[in-house]
């Protein structure tokens, strides 16, 4: 499972919000934002090749519900083998 954020501005906003809950400042991540986006792109490419599910946090209403659903599907698939 890969979690991603396709919308750049939303991704930046999430990094800024994270600043309130971490000892690491958001400006550190925002300065490296192009590299973070490139890494995310690489992870998404590999996920597609490996048929791993990608949860785009920009596109889902509830990320936790989507992840729970994907885990249930994987568990059920595993049980039927």
C-alpha atoms as a PDB file:
ATOM      1  CA  UNK A   1       0.000   0.000   0.000  1.00  0.00           C
ATOM      2  CA  UNK A   2       1.349   3.411  -0.971  1.00  0.00           C
ATOM      3  CA  UNK A   3      -0.139   6.639   0.312  1.00  0.00           C
ATOM      4  CA  UNK A   4       0.344   9.633  -1.978  1.00  0.00           C
ATOM      5  CA  UNK A   5      -0.871  13.190  -2.473  1.00  0.00           C
ATOM      6  CA  UNK A   6      -1.335  14.144  -6.120  1.00  0.00           C
ATOM      7  CA  UNK A   7      -2.266  17.784  -5.484  1.00  0.00           C
ATOM      8  CA  UNK A   8       0.930  19.713  -4.764  1.00  0.00           C
ATOM      9  CA  UNK A   9      -0.717  22.496  -2.757  1.00  0.00           C
ATOM     10  CA  UNK A  10      -2.545  20.001  -0.571  1.00  0.00           C
ATOM     11  CA  UNK A  11       0.735  18.149  -0.054  1.00  0.00           C
ATOM     12  CA  UNK A  12       2.438  21.389   1.041  1.00  0.00           C
ATOM     13  CA  UNK A  13      -0.490  22.119   3.357  1.00  0.00           C
ATOM     14  CA  UNK A  14      -0.152  18.705   4.957  1.00  0.00           C
ATOM     15  CA  UNK A  15       3.542  19.351   5.581  1.00  0.00           C
ATOM     16  CA  UNK A  16       2.710  22.698   7.178  1.00  0.00           C
ATOM     17  CA  UNK A  17       0.052  21.087   9.385  1.00  0.00           C
ATOM     18  CA  UNK A  18       2.511  18.368  10.396  1.00  0.00           C
ATOM     19  CA  UNK A  19       4.742  21.126  11.800  1.00  0.00           C
ATOM     20  CA  UNK A  20       2.310  21.572  14.702  1.00  0.00           C
ATOM     21  CA  UNK A  21       2.665  17.917  15.717  1.00  0.00           C
ATOM     22  CA  UNK A  22       6.398  17.397  15.258  1.00  0.00           C
ATOM     23  CA  UNK A  23       9.683  18.758  16.478  1.00  0.00           C
ATOM     24  CA  UNK A  24      10.772  19.085  12.833  1.00  0.00           C
ATOM     25  CA  UNK A  25       9.844  22.329  11.171  1.00  0.00           C
ATOM     26  CA  UNK A  26       7.843  22.368   7.952  1.00  0.00           C
ATOM     27  CA  UNK A  27      10.300  24.682   6.203  1.00  0.00           C
ATOM     28  CA  UNK A  28      12.833  21.849   6.202  1.00  0.00           C
ATOM     29  CA  UNK A  29      10.450  19.693   4.169  1.00  0.00           C
ATOM     30  CA  UNK A  30       9.194  22.519   1.981  1.00  0.00           C
ATOM     31  CA  UNK A  31      12.793  23.332   1.013  1.00  0.00           C
ATOM     32  CA  UNK A  32      13.151  19.724  -0.170  1.00  0.00           C
ATOM     33  CA  UNK A  33       9.675  19.595  -1.715  1.00  0.00           C
ATOM     34  CA  UNK A  34      10.790  18.901  -5.315  1.00  0.00           C
ATOM     35  CA  UNK A  35      12.831  15.934  -4.082  1.00  0.00           C
ATOM     36  CA  UNK A  36       9.924  14.682  -1.939  1.00  0.00           C
ATOM     37  CA  UNK A  37       7.647  14.848  -4.994  1.00  0.00           C
ATOM     38  CA  UNK A  38      10.205  12.975  -7.111  1.00  0.00           C
ATOM     39  CA  UNK A  39      10.490  10.239  -4.472  1.00  0.00           C
ATOM     40  CA  UNK A  40       6.701   9.988  -4.285  1.00  0.00           C
ATOM     41  CA  UNK A  41       6.546   9.699  -8.076  1.00  0.00           C
ATOM     42  CA  UNK A  42       9.087   6.884  -8.021  1.00  0.00           C
ATOM     43  CA  UNK A  43       7.172   5.058  -5.307  1.00  0.00           C
ATOM     44  CA  UNK A  44       3.950   5.383  -7.281  1.00  0.00           C
ATOM     45  CA  UNK A  45       5.637   4.026 -10.427  1.00  0.00           C
ATOM     46  CA  UNK A  46       6.931   1.015  -8.510  1.00  0.00           C
ATOM     47  CA  UNK A  47       3.551   0.491  -6.859  1.00  0.00           C
ATOM     48  CA  UNK A  48       1.861   0.354 -10.263  1.00  0.00           C
ATOM     49  CA  UNK A  49       4.397  -2.187 -11.542  1.00  0.00           C
ATOM     50  CA  UNK A  50       3.937  -4.342  -8.421  1.00  0.00           C
ATOM     51  CA  UNK A  51       0.122  -3.940  -8.447  1.00  0.00           C
ATOM     52  CA  UNK A  52       0.167  -2.363  -4.997  1.00  0.00           C
ATOM     53  CA  UNK A  53      -2.821  -0.209  -4.112  1.00  0.00           C
ATOM     54  CA  UNK A  54      -2.241   3.549  -4.108  1.00  0.00           C
ATOM     55  CA  UNK A  55      -4.345   5.709  -1.809  1.00  0.00           C
ATOM     56  CA  UNK A  56      -4.279   9.279  -3.094  1.00  0.00           C
ATOM     57  CA  UNK A  57      -5.091  11.451  -0.108  1.00  0.00           C
ATOM     58  CA  UNK A  58      -6.199  14.207  -2.507  1.00  0.00           C
ATOM     59  CA  UNK A  59      -8.921  11.989  -3.951  1.00  0.00           C
ATOM     60  CA  UNK A  60     -10.474  10.127  -1.034  1.00  0.00           C
ATOM     61  CA  UNK A  61     -12.968  11.441   1.461  1.00  0.00           C
ATOM     62  CA  UNK A  62     -11.673   9.288   4.295  1.00  0.00           C
ATOM     63  CA  UNK A  63      -8.164   7.942   3.950  1.00  0.00           C
ATOM     64  CA  UNK A  64      -8.530   5.629   6.940  1.00  0.00           C
ATOM     65  CA  UNK A  65     -11.771   4.122   5.595  1.00  0.00           C
ATOM     66  CA  UNK A  66     -10.139   3.547   2.202  1.00  0.00           C
ATOM     67  CA  UNK A  67      -7.105   1.883   3.795  1.00  0.00           C
ATOM     68  CA  UNK A  68      -9.310  -0.312   6.007  1.00  0.00           C
ATOM     69  CA  UNK A  69     -11.270  -1.368   2.918  1.00  0.00           C
ATOM     70  CA  UNK A  70      -8.098  -2.254   0.996  1.00  0.00           C
ATOM     71  CA  UNK A  71      -6.772  -4.237   3.950  1.00  0.00           C
ATOM     72  CA  UNK A  72     -10.081  -6.115   4.247  1.00  0.00           C
ATOM     73  CA  UNK A  73      -9.969  -6.954   0.534  1.00  0.00           C
ATOM     74  CA  UNK A  74      -6.366  -8.184   0.833  1.00  0.00           C
ATOM     75  CA  UNK A  75      -7.223 -10.244   3.925  1.00  0.00           C
ATOM     76  CA  UNK A  76     -10.240 -11.826   2.252  1.00  0.00           C
ATOM     77  CA  UNK A  77      -8.181 -12.579  -0.850  1.00  0.00           C
ATOM     78  CA  UNK A  78      -5.507 -14.199   1.310  1.00  0.00           C
ATOM     79  CA  UNK A  79      -8.082 -16.332   3.162  1.00  0.00           C
ATOM     80  CA  UNK A  80      -9.563 -17.723  -0.057  1.00  0.00           C
ATOM     81  CA  UNK A  81      -6.216 -18.978  -1.380  1.00  0.00           C
END
